[in-house]
């Protein structure tokens, strides 16, 4: 069974953020057979208080070498501004915010020989000023490593595609629909839950 990871803000009470790993797991299982998908965000979460287990990103360096692949996204992840969500900051001051849940995990996995795929994240700068904006000078070499060495890079908006292109080493960056459009595939219309009825 393949052991895969996915990074994003799955520890935030937001409908889209909570859907991304569920849709990814269904779609990857259809393509690859049975998989284990470990979800990584800033903070640990677990049922019954949360829909699924989320592992703190602080654990990623310990397990990255054991993963068969890492997915970055979806969501409005590609950003450098600090205003992700009210009160949402990393669990330790040693983790840069907000790149600690998207750029750093990609670099950690690449360092450990774990293939990285960008699963249609967007750049919030397309919607709100100041998010991706210009990539800061300190981040440009890191962006070049993360994007050019990833096995697959797909984003969900033109803005992200244009901003990442200079770091792709001449490779194409795919433009794909928002991952959440796959929600219909994870619902069973013949057996709706009590909450759906």
Protein backbone atom coordinates (compact mmCIF):
# COMPACT_ATOMS: atom_id res chain seq x y z
CA UNK A 1 0.00 0.00 0.00
CA UNK A 2 1.39 3.39 -0.98
CA UNK A 3 2.07 5.82 1.85
CA UNK A 4 1.31 9.35 0.66
CA UNK A 5 1.17 12.71 2.38
CA UNK A 6 -0.79 15.87 1.71
CA UNK A 7 -0.02 19.34 3.10
CA UNK A 8 -2.35 22.25 3.57
CA UNK A 9 -4.53 23.96 6.13
CA UNK A 10 -6.61 20.92 7.06
CA UNK A 11 -6.64 22.02 10.71
CA UNK A 12 -8.84 25.06 9.94
CA UNK A 13 -12.64 24.96 10.13
CA UNK A 14 -13.21 25.74 6.47
CA UNK A 15 -15.36 23.64 4.16
CA UNK A 16 -12.92 23.65 1.23
CA UNK A 17 -9.83 23.00 3.34
CA UNK A 18 -11.51 20.01 4.99
CA UNK A 19 -12.62 18.60 1.62
CA UNK A 20 -9.25 18.60 -0.17
CA UNK A 21 -7.78 15.50 1.51
CA UNK A 22 -11.04 13.56 1.23
CA UNK A 23 -11.25 14.19 -2.52
CA UNK A 24 -7.54 13.49 -2.98
CA UNK A 25 -7.84 10.16 -1.18
CA UNK A 26 -10.76 9.01 -3.35
CA UNK A 27 -9.13 10.12 -6.60
CA UNK A 28 -5.71 8.67 -5.76
CA UNK A 29 -7.25 5.35 -4.67
CA UNK A 30 -9.07 5.11 -8.00
CA UNK A 31 -5.81 5.60 -9.86
CA UNK A 32 -3.31 3.82 -7.63
CA UNK A 33 -5.32 1.27 -5.65
CA UNK A 34 -5.36 1.25 -1.86
CA UNK A 35 -3.34 4.08 -0.32
CA UNK A 36 -2.74 5.64 3.06
CA UNK A 37 -2.98 9.43 2.94
CA UNK A 38 -1.42 11.22 5.91
CA UNK A 39 -2.65 14.78 6.29
CA UNK A 40 -0.18 17.45 7.49
CA UNK A 41 -0.99 20.92 8.82
CA UNK A 42 0.30 23.14 11.57
CA UNK A 43 -1.62 21.37 14.34
CA UNK A 44 -2.57 17.80 15.28
CA UNK A 45 -6.29 17.09 15.05
CA UNK A 46 -8.23 13.87 15.63
CA UNK A 47 -11.76 12.47 15.79
CA UNK A 48 -14.22 12.80 17.41
CA UNK A 49 -13.48 16.55 17.50
CA UNK A 50 -12.25 16.61 13.89
CA UNK A 51 -13.40 14.73 10.76
CA UNK A 52 -10.06 12.90 10.39
CA UNK A 53 -6.55 12.67 11.78
CA UNK A 54 -4.21 15.55 10.97
CA UNK A 55 -0.52 15.35 11.84
CA UNK A 56 1.44 18.42 12.84
CA UNK A 57 3.95 19.55 10.25
CA UNK A 58 6.54 19.33 13.03
CA UNK A 59 6.49 15.55 12.49
CA UNK A 60 7.17 15.69 8.74
CA UNK A 61 11.00 15.66 8.92
CA UNK A 62 10.77 12.38 10.88
CA UNK A 63 8.56 10.60 8.33
CA UNK A 64 9.28 12.26 4.96
CA UNK A 65 11.76 9.55 3.96
CA UNK A 66 9.08 6.88 4.49
CA UNK A 67 6.52 8.52 2.21
CA UNK A 68 6.06 7.43 -1.41
CA UNK A 69 4.93 10.92 -2.37
CA UNK A 70 3.74 14.30 -1.08
CA UNK A 71 0.93 16.45 -2.44
CA UNK A 72 0.96 20.19 -1.82
CA UNK A 73 -2.54 21.65 -1.81
CA UNK A 74 -5.19 22.48 -2.72
CA UNK A 75 -6.50 25.78 -1.51
CA UNK A 76 -5.11 29.29 -1.61
CA UNK A 77 -1.75 28.09 -0.31
CA UNK A 78 0.84 29.87 -2.42
CA UNK A 79 1.30 33.04 -0.44
CA UNK A 80 3.73 35.03 1.66
CA UNK A 81 1.36 37.25 3.65
CA UNK A 82 0.65 36.45 7.31
CA UNK A 83 -3.14 36.89 7.25
CA UNK A 84 -4.12 33.29 6.56
CA UNK A 85 -6.90 33.02 9.16
CA UNK A 86 -7.55 34.88 12.43
CA UNK A 87 -5.14 33.57 15.07
CA UNK A 88 -3.68 30.94 12.74
CA UNK A 89 0.08 30.71 13.26
CA UNK A 90 2.60 27.85 13.40
CA UNK A 91 2.93 25.69 16.50
CA UNK A 92 6.53 26.86 17.05
CA UNK A 93 8.33 30.10 16.19
CA UNK A 94 10.92 28.07 14.25
CA UNK A 95 8.40 27.44 11.46
CA UNK A 96 8.08 30.28 8.97
CA UNK A 97 4.55 31.51 8.42
CA UNK A 98 2.85 30.96 6.03
CA UNK A 99 5.38 28.98 3.99
CA UNK A 100 5.57 26.42 6.80
CA UNK A 101 2.58 24.51 5.47
CA UNK A 102 3.39 24.57 1.73
CA UNK A 103 6.93 25.57 0.72
CA UNK A 104 8.84 24.05 3.63
CA UNK A 105 7.08 20.66 3.35
CA UNK A 106 7.91 20.51 -0.36
CA UNK A 107 11.58 21.20 0.37
CA UNK A 108 11.68 18.73 3.28
CA UNK A 109 10.23 15.97 1.12
CA UNK A 110 12.52 16.69 -1.82
CA UNK A 111 15.50 16.61 0.54
CA UNK A 112 14.43 13.14 1.70
CA UNK A 113 13.96 11.84 -1.86
CA UNK A 114 10.17 11.87 -1.61
CA UNK A 115 8.47 12.86 -4.90
CA UNK A 116 6.40 16.04 -4.68
CA UNK A 117 3.26 16.90 -6.67
CA UNK A 118 1.41 20.20 -6.49
CA UNK A 119 -2.29 19.32 -6.37
CA UNK A 120 -3.89 22.42 -7.82
CA UNK A 121 -3.18 25.06 -5.17
CA UNK A 122 -3.95 28.65 -5.97
CA UNK A 123 -2.38 31.97 -5.18
CA UNK A 124 -4.61 34.08 -3.00
CA UNK A 125 -3.06 37.13 -4.65
CA UNK A 126 -5.51 36.55 -7.49
CA UNK A 127 -8.30 37.51 -5.09
CA UNK A 128 -6.69 39.67 -2.42
CA UNK A 129 -3.78 42.04 -2.78
CA UNK A 130 -0.55 41.24 -1.01
CA UNK A 131 -0.84 37.46 -0.84
CA UNK A 132 1.56 36.03 -3.37
CA UNK A 133 2.37 39.41 -4.88
CA UNK A 134 6.06 39.36 -5.61
CA UNK A 135 8.06 36.44 -4.32
CA UNK A 136 10.46 37.89 -1.73
CA UNK A 137 14.13 37.79 -2.67
CA UNK A 138 14.96 35.43 0.21
CA UNK A 139 12.38 32.91 -1.08
CA UNK A 140 13.33 32.91 -4.76
CA UNK A 141 16.11 30.26 -4.57
CA UNK A 142 13.84 28.08 -2.42
CA UNK A 143 10.95 28.47 -4.86
CA UNK A 144 13.25 27.50 -7.72
CA UNK A 145 14.27 24.31 -5.89
CA UNK A 146 10.73 23.41 -4.84
CA UNK A 147 9.08 24.00 -8.22
CA UNK A 148 11.80 22.85 -10.60
CA UNK A 149 12.51 19.62 -8.68
CA UNK A 150 8.88 18.61 -8.13
CA UNK A 151 7.60 15.68 -10.17
CA UNK A 152 4.34 17.40 -11.12
CA UNK A 153 3.19 20.99 -10.73
CA UNK A 154 -0.43 21.97 -11.28
CA UNK A 155 -2.20 25.09 -10.04
CA UNK A 156 -5.80 26.22 -10.19
CA UNK A 157 -5.52 29.81 -11.38
CA UNK A 158 -3.71 31.89 -14.01
CA UNK A 159 -2.17 34.10 -11.34
CA UNK A 160 -0.39 31.18 -9.64
CA UNK A 161 0.68 29.76 -13.00
CA UNK A 162 2.26 33.07 -14.02
CA UNK A 163 3.96 33.58 -10.65
CA UNK A 164 5.44 30.06 -10.54
CA UNK A 165 6.57 29.93 -14.19
CA UNK A 166 9.92 31.69 -13.53
CA UNK A 167 10.80 28.99 -11.00
CA UNK A 168 9.85 25.97 -13.12
CA UNK A 169 13.09 25.66 -15.08
CA UNK A 170 11.24 25.85 -18.39
CA UNK A 171 8.77 23.07 -17.52
CA UNK A 172 5.07 23.60 -18.06
CA UNK A 173 2.88 24.26 -15.06
CA UNK A 174 -0.52 22.68 -15.59
CA UNK A 175 -3.68 24.70 -15.04
CA UNK A 176 -6.38 22.45 -13.55
CA UNK A 177 -9.88 22.93 -12.10
CA UNK A 178 -10.20 23.53 -8.37
CA UNK A 179 -9.94 20.18 -6.60
CA UNK A 180 -13.25 20.79 -4.80
CA UNK A 181 -15.11 20.33 -8.08
CA UNK A 182 -14.50 16.62 -7.42
CA UNK A 183 -16.82 16.62 -4.39
CA UNK A 184 -19.65 14.93 -6.34
CA UNK A 185 -17.45 11.85 -6.80
CA UNK A 186 -17.15 11.26 -3.07
CA UNK A 187 -20.90 11.42 -2.40
CA UNK A 188 -23.14 8.39 -2.75
CA UNK A 189 -26.37 9.75 -4.23
CA UNK A 190 -28.11 6.41 -3.71
CA UNK A 191 -27.32 6.33 0.01
CA UNK A 192 -27.35 9.90 1.36
CA UNK A 193 -26.43 10.38 4.99
CA UNK A 194 -29.01 11.66 7.47
CA UNK A 195 -27.33 15.08 7.31
CA UNK A 196 -27.73 15.22 3.50
CA UNK A 197 -31.40 14.25 3.64
